[in-house]
Amino acid sequence: MTSLLNKILLIILLSLQVIVSGQVLDKDGIPNAPSPPRLINDFAEILSVPNKQSLEDKLLAFNDSTSTQISIVTVTTIGDYSIEDYAVRLGRKWQIGQKGKNNGILILVAKDDRKIDIEIGYGLESYVTDYDSKHIIDELILPAFKQSNYYKGLDDATNRLIAQLQGTYTADKRNDNNKWTILTIIIIVLLILIILSFFTSKTGGYSSTNTDSSGGWIWTTGGGSSSWSGGGNSSSFGGFGGGSFGGGGSSGSW
């Protein structure tokens, strides 16, 4: 009887969530993908309209430039689910990321449960590890959320993710190895220059031609944040592309 009553109460709670937020849930209580599609889906209404638009514009620009999709979803409650299970189910259902690349990231916030989860798509797990996700949550999201500053936490977290995916940010644990790698490269280059200089002096001259061309996008970063040039965002999000998730990421509570 108690179990039946709990199920009824959960159904009522989820139904109220649908009415308040306008979201549509499936039979398992997982929201359906929005129509029209958006990267920011604030069903729990914890963000102001300007803040939602600011995050949407930033993540849309990143999606347009890289095809990597970072999506933020907030819900009122996850019911009896663990935050990790709910997030994986949602990420797989919406298929965040590109098919074949699995380059999606989902940030899920459960407002009343006071829980946060970052899920990393298969294709990005080597770029954003569980360790990285944990530090983003502990260092950037939770301190801001404890002050009810949800926008700052999400804005800082997405900036860090973008910087890390661009290769302009690396976690502290990797710094020592990076220093040794750079030093090794410098030593090798100096040795090559010395050898070339020696042979040049012996042969009477040396010439070479090196051309390099590249294309794509250019980002300007600073302080862990990212910015794009090009006169603002004029495109719209075309929808998720068929990505999937395997449980990589981390979670926390505030």
C-alpha atoms as a PDB file:
ATOM      1  CA  MET A   1       0.000   0.000   0.000  1.00  0.00           C
ATOM      2  CA  THR A   2       2.835   2.368   0.907  1.00  0.00           C
ATOM      3  CA  SER A   3       4.626   1.589  -2.349  1.00  0.00           C
ATOM      4  CA  LEU A   4       1.466   2.290  -4.366  1.00  0.00           C
ATOM      5  CA  LEU A   5       0.922   5.568  -2.511  1.00  0.00           C
ATOM      6  CA  ASN A   6       4.510   6.649  -3.229  1.00  0.00           C
ATOM      7  CA  LYS A   7       4.050   5.929  -6.938  1.00  0.00           C
ATOM      8  CA  ILE A   8       0.817   7.943  -7.007  1.00  0.00           C
ATOM      9  CA  LEU A   9       2.493  10.873  -5.261  1.00  0.00           C
ATOM     10  CA  LEU A  10       5.407  10.709  -7.714  1.00  0.00           C
ATOM     11  CA  ILE A  11       3.026  10.755 -10.685  1.00  0.00           C
ATOM     12  CA  ILE A  12       1.225  13.778  -9.218  1.00  0.00           C
ATOM     13  CA  LEU A  13       4.531  15.568  -8.608  1.00  0.00           C
ATOM     14  CA  LEU A  14       5.786  14.906 -12.127  1.00  0.00           C
ATOM     15  CA  SER A  15       2.431  15.986 -13.570  1.00  0.00           C
ATOM     16  CA  LEU A  16       2.652  19.286 -11.685  1.00  0.00           C
ATOM     17  CA  GLN A  17       6.172  19.698 -13.065  1.00  0.00           C
ATOM     18  CA  VAL A  18       4.824  19.266 -16.597  1.00  0.00           C
ATOM     19  CA  ILE A  19       2.093  21.863 -16.017  1.00  0.00           C
ATOM     20  CA  VAL A  20       4.446  24.419 -14.500  1.00  0.00           C
ATOM     21  CA  SER A  21       7.371  24.036 -16.903  1.00  0.00           C
ATOM     22  CA  GLY A  22       5.545  23.036 -20.070  1.00  0.00           C
ATOM     23  CA  GLN A  23       7.782  20.014 -20.562  1.00  0.00           C
ATOM     24  CA  VAL A  24       6.398  16.699 -21.800  1.00  0.00           C
ATOM     25  CA  LEU A  25       7.570  13.524 -20.062  1.00  0.00           C
ATOM     26  CA  ASP A  26       7.600   9.972 -21.385  1.00  0.00           C
ATOM     27  CA  LYS A  27       6.270   6.986 -19.434  1.00  0.00           C
ATOM     28  CA  ASP A  28       9.580   6.753 -17.535  1.00  0.00           C
ATOM     29  CA  GLY A  29       9.455  10.384 -16.430  1.00  0.00           C
ATOM     30  CA  ILE A  30      12.180  11.581 -18.823  1.00  0.00           C
ATOM     31  CA  PRO A  31      11.509  14.844 -20.719  1.00  0.00           C
ATOM     32  CA  ASN A  32      10.991  14.635 -24.451  1.00  0.00           C
ATOM     33  CA  ALA A  33      13.362  16.617 -26.642  1.00  0.00           C
ATOM     34  CA  PRO A  34      12.140  20.215 -27.034  1.00  0.00           C
ATOM     35  CA  SER A  35      10.489  21.506 -30.175  1.00  0.00           C
ATOM     36  CA  PRO A  36      11.870  23.738 -31.539  1.00  0.00           C
ATOM     37  CA  PRO A  37      15.228  22.325 -30.424  1.00  0.00           C
ATOM     38  CA  ARG A  38      17.348  24.287 -27.944  1.00  0.00           C
ATOM     39  CA  LEU A  39      20.639  23.761 -26.168  1.00  0.00           C
ATOM     40  CA  ILE A  40      19.400  25.450 -22.975  1.00  0.00           C
ATOM     41  CA  ASN A  41      16.264  23.842 -21.547  1.00  0.00           C
ATOM     42  CA  ASP A  42      15.423  25.428 -18.212  1.00  0.00           C
ATOM     43  CA  PHE A  43      12.369  23.398 -17.176  1.00  0.00           C
ATOM     44  CA  ALA A  44      12.981  24.281 -13.495  1.00  0.00           C
ATOM     45  CA  GLU A  45      13.062  28.013 -14.360  1.00  0.00           C
ATOM     46  CA  ILE A  46      16.218  28.833 -12.412  1.00  0.00           C
ATOM     47  CA  LEU A  47      17.592  31.217 -15.064  1.00  0.00           C
ATOM     48  CA  SER A  48      16.410  34.605 -16.249  1.00  0.00           C
ATOM     49  CA  VAL A  49      15.479  35.059 -19.900  1.00  0.00           C
ATOM     50  CA  PRO A  50      18.621  37.141 -20.688  1.00  0.00           C
ATOM     51  CA  ASN A  51      20.857  34.585 -18.961  1.00  0.00           C
ATOM     52  CA  LYS A  52      19.291  31.715 -20.875  1.00  0.00           C
ATOM     53  CA  GLN A  53      19.799  33.590 -24.140  1.00  0.00           C
ATOM     54  CA  SER A  54      23.410  34.381 -23.280  1.00  0.00           C
ATOM     55  CA  LEU A  55      24.180  30.702 -22.618  1.00  0.00           C
ATOM     56  CA  GLU A  56      22.266  29.614 -25.719  1.00  0.00           C
ATOM     57  CA  ASP A  57      24.208  32.029 -27.941  1.00  0.00           C
ATOM     58  CA  LYS A  58      27.562  30.901 -26.558  1.00  0.00           C
ATOM     59  CA  LEU A  59      26.873  27.182 -26.866  1.00  0.00           C
ATOM     60  CA  LEU A  60      25.271  27.615 -30.273  1.00  0.00           C
ATOM     61  CA  ALA A  61      28.394  29.398 -31.556  1.00  0.00           C
ATOM     62  CA  PHE A  62      30.534  26.551 -30.219  1.00  0.00           C
ATOM     63  CA  ASN A  63      28.238  23.995 -31.849  1.00  0.00           C
ATOM     64  CA  ASP A  64      28.329  25.817 -35.178  1.00  0.00           C
ATOM     65  CA  SER A  65      32.134  25.990 -35.138  1.00  0.00           C
ATOM     66  CA  THR A  66      32.982  22.503 -33.878  1.00  0.00           C
ATOM     67  CA  SER A  67      29.803  20.364 -34.099  1.00  0.00           C
ATOM     68  CA  THR A  68      30.324  19.603 -30.389  1.00  0.00           C
ATOM     69  CA  GLN A  69      27.040  20.045 -28.525  1.00  0.00           C
ATOM     70  CA  ILE A  70      26.972  21.161 -24.897  1.00  0.00           C
ATOM     71  CA  SER A  71      23.415  21.122 -23.566  1.00  0.00           C
ATOM     72  CA  ILE A  72      22.095  22.322 -20.207  1.00  0.00           C
ATOM     73  CA  VAL A  73      18.866  20.859 -18.844  1.00  0.00           C
ATOM     74  CA  THR A  74      17.271  21.797 -15.534  1.00  0.00           C
ATOM     75  CA  VAL A  75      14.367  19.877 -13.998  1.00  0.00           C
ATOM     76  CA  THR A  76      12.453  20.280 -10.770  1.00  0.00           C
ATOM     77  CA  THR A  77      13.036  16.710  -9.585  1.00  0.00           C
ATOM     78  CA  ILE A  78      14.415  13.403 -10.830  1.00  0.00           C
ATOM     79  CA  GLY A  79      12.061  11.358  -8.635  1.00  0.00           C
ATOM     80  CA  ASP A  80      13.462   7.962  -7.627  1.00  0.00           C
ATOM     81  CA  TYR A  81      16.240   8.034 -10.223  1.00  0.00           C
ATOM     82  CA  SER A  82      19.865   8.613  -9.344  1.00  0.00           C
ATOM     83  CA  ILE A  83      21.111  11.805 -10.970  1.00  0.00           C
ATOM     84  CA  GLU A  84      23.577   9.794 -13.090  1.00  0.00           C
ATOM     85  CA  ASP A  85      20.952   7.342 -14.373  1.00  0.00           C
ATOM     86  CA  TYR A  86      18.496  10.133 -15.186  1.00  0.00           C
ATOM     87  CA  ALA A  87      21.169  12.097 -17.065  1.00  0.00           C
ATOM     88  CA  VAL A  88      22.339   9.111 -19.127  1.00  0.00           C
ATOM     89  CA  ARG A  89      18.754   8.239 -20.037  1.00  0.00           C
ATOM     90  CA  LEU A  90      18.034  11.828 -21.059  1.00  0.00           C
ATOM     91  CA  GLY A  91      21.278  12.188 -23.033  1.00  0.00           C
ATOM     92  CA  ARG A  92      20.646   8.963 -24.945  1.00  0.00           C
ATOM     93  CA  LYS A  93      16.997   9.788 -25.580  1.00  0.00           C
ATOM     94  CA  TRP A  94      17.774  13.262 -26.931  1.00  0.00           C
ATOM     95  CA  GLN A  95      20.908  11.955 -28.739  1.00  0.00           C
ATOM     96  CA  ILE A  96      23.019  14.970 -27.811  1.00  0.00           C
ATOM     97  CA  GLY A  97      26.081  15.185 -30.057  1.00  0.00           C
ATOM     98  CA  GLN A  98      26.739  13.983 -33.584  1.00  0.00           C
ATOM     99  CA  LYS A  99      26.139  10.448 -34.825  1.00  0.00           C
ATOM    100  CA  GLY A 100      29.434   8.615 -35.190  1.00  0.00           C
ATOM    101  CA  LYS A 101      31.272  11.290 -33.190  1.00  0.00           C
ATOM    102  CA  ASN A 102      29.301  11.074 -29.914  1.00  0.00           C
ATOM    103  CA  ASN A 103      30.615  14.548 -29.126  1.00  0.00           C
ATOM    104  CA  GLY A 104      27.882  15.699 -26.763  1.00  0.00           C
ATOM    105  CA  ILE A 105      28.010  16.962 -23.186  1.00  0.00           C
ATOM    106  CA  LEU A 106      24.955  17.161 -20.928  1.00  0.00           C
ATOM    107  CA  ILE A 107      24.820  19.276 -17.780  1.00  0.00           C
ATOM    108  CA  LEU A 108      21.759  18.231 -15.765  1.00  0.00           C
ATOM    109  CA  VAL A 109      20.480  20.184 -12.766  1.00  0.00           C
ATOM    110  CA  ALA A 110      17.759  18.852 -10.448  1.00  0.00           C
ATOM    111  CA  LYS A 111      16.628  21.929  -8.530  1.00  0.00           C
ATOM    112  CA  ASP A 112      14.580  20.480  -5.651  1.00  0.00           C
ATOM    113  CA  ASP A 113      16.913  17.498  -5.259  1.00  0.00           C
ATOM    114  CA  ARG A 114      19.885  19.893  -5.212  1.00  0.00           C
ATOM    115  CA  LYS A 115      21.897  17.642  -7.504  1.00  0.00           C
ATOM    116  CA  ILE A 116      24.086  18.291 -10.527  1.00  0.00           C
ATOM    117  CA  ASP A 117      25.559  15.906 -13.094  1.00  0.00           C
ATOM    118  CA  ILE A 118      27.861  16.291 -16.092  1.00  0.00           C
ATOM    119  CA  GLU A 119      27.685  13.500 -18.677  1.00  0.00           C
ATOM    120  CA  ILE A 120      30.386  13.247 -21.325  1.00  0.00           C
ATOM    121  CA  GLY A 121      29.749  11.587 -24.695  1.00  0.00           C
ATOM    122  CA  TYR A 122      31.858   8.594 -25.737  1.00  0.00           C
ATOM    123  CA  GLY A 123      33.837  10.637 -28.220  1.00  0.00           C
ATOM    124  CA  LEU A 124      34.932  13.281 -25.698  1.00  0.00           C
ATOM    125  CA  GLU A 125      35.894  11.107 -22.731  1.00  0.00           C
ATOM    126  CA  SER A 126      39.612  11.365 -23.525  1.00  0.00           C
ATOM    127  CA  TYR A 127      39.364  15.176 -23.654  1.00  0.00           C
ATOM    128  CA  VAL A 128      37.195  15.718 -20.553  1.00  0.00           C
ATOM    129  CA  THR A 129      37.865  12.994 -17.997  1.00  0.00           C
ATOM    130  CA  ASP A 130      35.848  12.083 -14.904  1.00  0.00           C
ATOM    131  CA  TYR A 131      38.540  13.907 -12.914  1.00  0.00           C
ATOM    132  CA  ASP A 132      37.999  17.054 -14.998  1.00  0.00           C
ATOM    133  CA  SER A 133      34.212  16.890 -14.601  1.00  0.00           C
ATOM    134  CA  LYS A 134      34.528  16.457 -10.841  1.00  0.00           C
ATOM    135  CA  HIS A 135      36.741  19.524 -10.526  1.00  0.00           C
ATOM    136  CA  ILE A 136      34.421  21.610 -12.681  1.00  0.00           C
ATOM    137  CA  ILE A 137      31.528  20.696 -10.385  1.00  0.00           C
ATOM    138  CA  ASP A 138      33.424  21.155  -7.117  1.00  0.00           C
ATOM    139  CA  GLU A 139      35.354  24.303  -8.052  1.00  0.00           C
ATOM    140  CA  LEU A 140      32.926  26.208 -10.278  1.00  0.00           C
ATOM    141  CA  ILE A 141      29.350  24.953 -10.042  1.00  0.00           C
ATOM    142  CA  LEU A 142      28.764  24.064  -6.389  1.00  0.00           C
ATOM    143  CA  PRO A 143      30.169  27.281  -4.841  1.00  0.00           C
ATOM    144  CA  ALA A 144      27.938  29.374  -7.118  1.00  0.00           C
ATOM    145  CA  PHE A 145      24.888  27.147  -6.625  1.00  0.00           C
ATOM    146  CA  LYS A 146      25.232  27.369  -2.844  1.00  0.00           C
ATOM    147  CA  GLN A 147      24.772  31.122  -3.296  1.00  0.00           C
ATOM    148  CA  SER A 148      21.770  30.470  -5.598  1.00  0.00           C
ATOM    149  CA  ASN A 149      23.789  31.966  -8.452  1.00  0.00           C
ATOM    150  CA  TYR A 150      22.894  29.309 -10.991  1.00  0.00           C
ATOM    151  CA  TYR A 151      23.881  31.353 -14.013  1.00  0.00           C
ATOM    152  CA  LYS A 152      27.436  31.984 -12.791  1.00  0.00           C
ATOM    153  CA  GLY A 153      27.962  28.297 -12.036  1.00  0.00           C
ATOM    154  CA  LEU A 154      26.723  27.189 -15.454  1.00  0.00           C
ATOM    155  CA  ASP A 155      28.460  30.002 -17.319  1.00  0.00           C
ATOM    156  CA  ASP A 156      31.819  29.297 -15.652  1.00  0.00           C
ATOM    157  CA  ALA A 157      31.412  25.545 -16.160  1.00  0.00           C
ATOM    158  CA  THR A 158      30.685  25.865 -19.886  1.00  0.00           C
ATOM    159  CA  ASN A 159      33.601  28.286 -20.301  1.00  0.00           C
ATOM    160  CA  ARG A 160      35.904  25.729 -18.685  1.00  0.00           C
ATOM    161  CA  LEU A 161      34.572  22.900 -20.853  1.00  0.00           C
ATOM    162  CA  ILE A 162      35.006  24.932 -24.036  1.00  0.00           C
ATOM    163  CA  ALA A 163      38.540  25.980 -23.064  1.00  0.00           C
ATOM    164  CA  GLN A 164      39.469  22.398 -22.251  1.00  0.00           C
ATOM    165  CA  LEU A 165      38.078  21.070 -25.528  1.00  0.00           C
ATOM    166  CA  GLN A 166      40.029  23.770 -27.380  1.00  0.00           C
ATOM    167  CA  GLY A 167      43.186  22.677 -25.599  1.00  0.00           C
ATOM    168  CA  THR A 168      43.710  26.084 -23.983  1.00  0.00           C
ATOM    169  CA  TYR A 169      43.094  24.769 -20.467  1.00  0.00           C
ATOM    170  CA  THR A 170      44.676  21.776 -18.762  1.00  0.00           C
ATOM    171  CA  ALA A 171      44.101  20.509 -15.246  1.00  0.00           C
ATOM    172  CA  ASP A 172      46.780  21.116 -12.613  1.00  0.00           C
ATOM    173  CA  LYS A 173      47.692  17.450 -12.398  1.00  0.00           C
ATOM    174  CA  ARG A 174      49.039  17.576 -15.949  1.00  0.00           C
ATOM    175  CA  ASN A 175      51.195  20.685 -15.611  1.00  0.00           C
ATOM    176  CA  ASP A 176      54.432  18.989 -14.499  1.00  0.00           C
ATOM    177  CA  ASN A 177      54.359  16.541 -17.392  1.00  0.00           C
ATOM    178  CA  ASN A 178      53.629  19.356 -19.831  1.00  0.00           C
ATOM    179  CA  LYS A 179      56.627  21.355 -18.576  1.00  0.00           C
ATOM    180  CA  TRP A 180      58.954  18.411 -19.116  1.00  0.00           C
ATOM    181  CA  THR A 181      57.503  17.813 -22.576  1.00  0.00           C
ATOM    182  CA  ILE A 182      58.055  21.432 -23.624  1.00  0.00           C
ATOM    183  CA  LEU A 183      61.601  21.408 -22.224  1.00  0.00           C
ATOM    184  CA  THR A 184      62.375  18.213 -24.144  1.00  0.00           C
ATOM    185  CA  ILE A 185      61.080  19.743 -27.397  1.00  0.00           C
ATOM    186  CA  ILE A 186      63.199  22.880 -26.869  1.00  0.00           C
ATOM    187  CA  ILE A 187      66.342  20.805 -26.292  1.00  0.00           C
ATOM    188  CA  ILE A 188      65.697  18.722 -29.423  1.00  0.00           C
ATOM    189  CA  VAL A 189      65.092  21.840 -31.546  1.00  0.00           C
ATOM    190  CA  LEU A 190      68.316  23.439 -30.273  1.00  0.00           C
ATOM    191  CA  LEU A 191      70.297  20.297 -31.074  1.00  0.00           C
ATOM    192  CA  ILE A 192      68.857  20.217 -34.612  1.00  0.00           C
ATOM    193  CA  LEU A 193      69.718  23.899 -35.129  1.00  0.00           C
ATOM    194  CA  ILE A 194      73.298  23.290 -33.949  1.00  0.00           C
ATOM    195  CA  ILE A 195      73.690  20.332 -36.302  1.00  0.00           C
ATOM    196  CA  LEU A 196      72.207  22.270 -39.235  1.00  0.00           C
ATOM    197  CA  SER A 197      74.464  25.218 -38.484  1.00  0.00           C
ATOM    198  CA  PHE A 198      77.484  22.916 -38.471  1.00  0.00           C
ATOM    199  CA  PHE A 199      76.619  21.368 -41.848  1.00  0.00           C
ATOM    200  CA  THR A 200      75.734  24.768 -43.325  1.00  0.00           C
ATOM    201  CA  SER A 201      79.128  26.142 -42.456  1.00  0.00           C
ATOM    202  CA  LYS A 202      80.756  23.097 -44.066  1.00  0.00           C
ATOM    203  CA  THR A 203      78.752  23.129 -47.302  1.00  0.00           C
ATOM    204  CA  GLY A 204      78.676  26.888 -47.784  1.00  0.00           C
ATOM    205  CA  GLY A 205      74.965  27.450 -47.477  1.00  0.00           C
ATOM    206  CA  TYR A 206      71.584  25.963 -46.825  1.00  0.00           C
ATOM    207  CA  SER A 207      68.144  26.935 -47.929  1.00  0.00           C
ATOM    208  CA  SER A 208      64.721  25.528 -47.434  1.00  0.00           C
ATOM    209  CA  THR A 209      61.169  26.518 -48.175  1.00  0.00           C
ATOM    210  CA  ASN A 210      58.340  25.756 -45.795  1.00  0.00           C
ATOM    211  CA  THR A 211      54.773  26.609 -46.565  1.00  0.00           C
ATOM    212  CA  ASP A 212      51.840  26.078 -44.280  1.00  0.00           C
ATOM    213  CA  SER A 213      48.147  26.684 -44.817  1.00  0.00           C
ATOM    214  CA  SER A 214      45.289  25.965 -42.533  1.00  0.00           C
ATOM    215  CA  GLY A 215      41.649  26.739 -42.329  1.00  0.00           C
ATOM    216  CA  GLY A 216      38.808  26.581 -39.879  1.00  0.00           C
ATOM    217  CA  TRP A 217      37.859  28.676 -36.925  1.00  0.00           C
ATOM    218  CA  ILE A 218      39.832  30.911 -34.572  1.00  0.00           C
ATOM    219  CA  TRP A 219      39.009  31.415 -30.922  1.00  0.00           C
ATOM    220  CA  THR A 220      40.298  34.021 -28.542  1.00  0.00           C
ATOM    221  CA  THR A 221      40.541  32.847 -24.954  1.00  0.00           C
ATOM    222  CA  GLY A 222      41.434  34.413 -21.677  1.00  0.00           C
ATOM    223  CA  GLY A 223      40.954  33.599 -18.027  1.00  0.00           C
ATOM    224  CA  GLY A 224      39.312  30.273 -18.798  1.00  0.00           C
ATOM    225  CA  SER A 225      36.616  31.840 -20.962  1.00  0.00           C
ATOM    226  CA  SER A 226      36.073  31.826 -24.691  1.00  0.00           C
ATOM    227  CA  SER A 227      34.851  34.376 -27.170  1.00  0.00           C
ATOM    228  CA  TRP A 228      33.958  34.339 -30.825  1.00  0.00           C
ATOM    229  CA  SER A 229      34.265  37.092 -33.411  1.00  0.00           C
ATOM    230  CA  GLY A 230      32.044  37.580 -36.402  1.00  0.00           C
ATOM    231  CA  GLY A 231      29.416  40.136 -35.521  1.00  0.00           C
ATOM    232  CA  GLY A 232      27.277  38.022 -33.205  1.00  0.00           C
ATOM    233  CA  ASN A 233      25.117  34.964 -33.649  1.00  0.00           C
ATOM    234  CA  SER A 234      22.546  34.951 -36.399  1.00  0.00           C
ATOM    235  CA  SER A 235      21.950  31.202 -36.767  1.00  0.00           C
ATOM    236  CA  SER A 236      19.569  28.908 -34.914  1.00  0.00           C
ATOM    237  CA  PHE A 237      20.067  25.484 -33.405  1.00  0.00           C
ATOM    238  CA  GLY A 238      19.234  22.739 -35.879  1.00  0.00           C
ATOM    239  CA  GLY A 239      18.757  19.959 -33.358  1.00  0.00           C
ATOM    240  CA  PHE A 240      20.717  17.100 -31.846  1.00  0.00           C
ATOM    241  CA  GLY A 241      22.572  14.808 -34.202  1.00  0.00           C
ATOM    242  CA  GLY A 242      22.423  11.258 -32.824  1.00  0.00           C
ATOM    243  CA  GLY A 243      25.164  11.083 -30.175  1.00  0.00           C
ATOM    244  CA  SER A 244      25.261   8.703 -27.226  1.00  0.00           C
ATOM    245  CA  PHE A 245      26.643   8.394 -23.707  1.00  0.00           C
ATOM    246  CA  GLY A 246      28.320   5.643 -21.715  1.00  0.00           C
ATOM    247  CA  GLY A 247      28.319   7.091 -18.203  1.00  0.00           C
ATOM    248  CA  GLY A 248      31.499   9.167 -18.309  1.00  0.00           C
ATOM    249  CA  GLY A 249      31.405  12.285 -16.143  1.00  0.00           C
ATOM    250  CA  SER A 250      30.738  13.193 -12.543  1.00  0.00           C
ATOM    251  CA  SER A 251      28.025  14.427 -10.190  1.00  0.00           C
ATOM    252  CA  GLY A 252      27.579  16.369  -6.961  1.00  0.00           C
ATOM    253  CA  SER A 253      25.065  18.039  -4.659  1.00  0.00           C
ATOM    254  CA  TRP A 254      24.762  21.382  -2.894  1.00  0.00           C
END
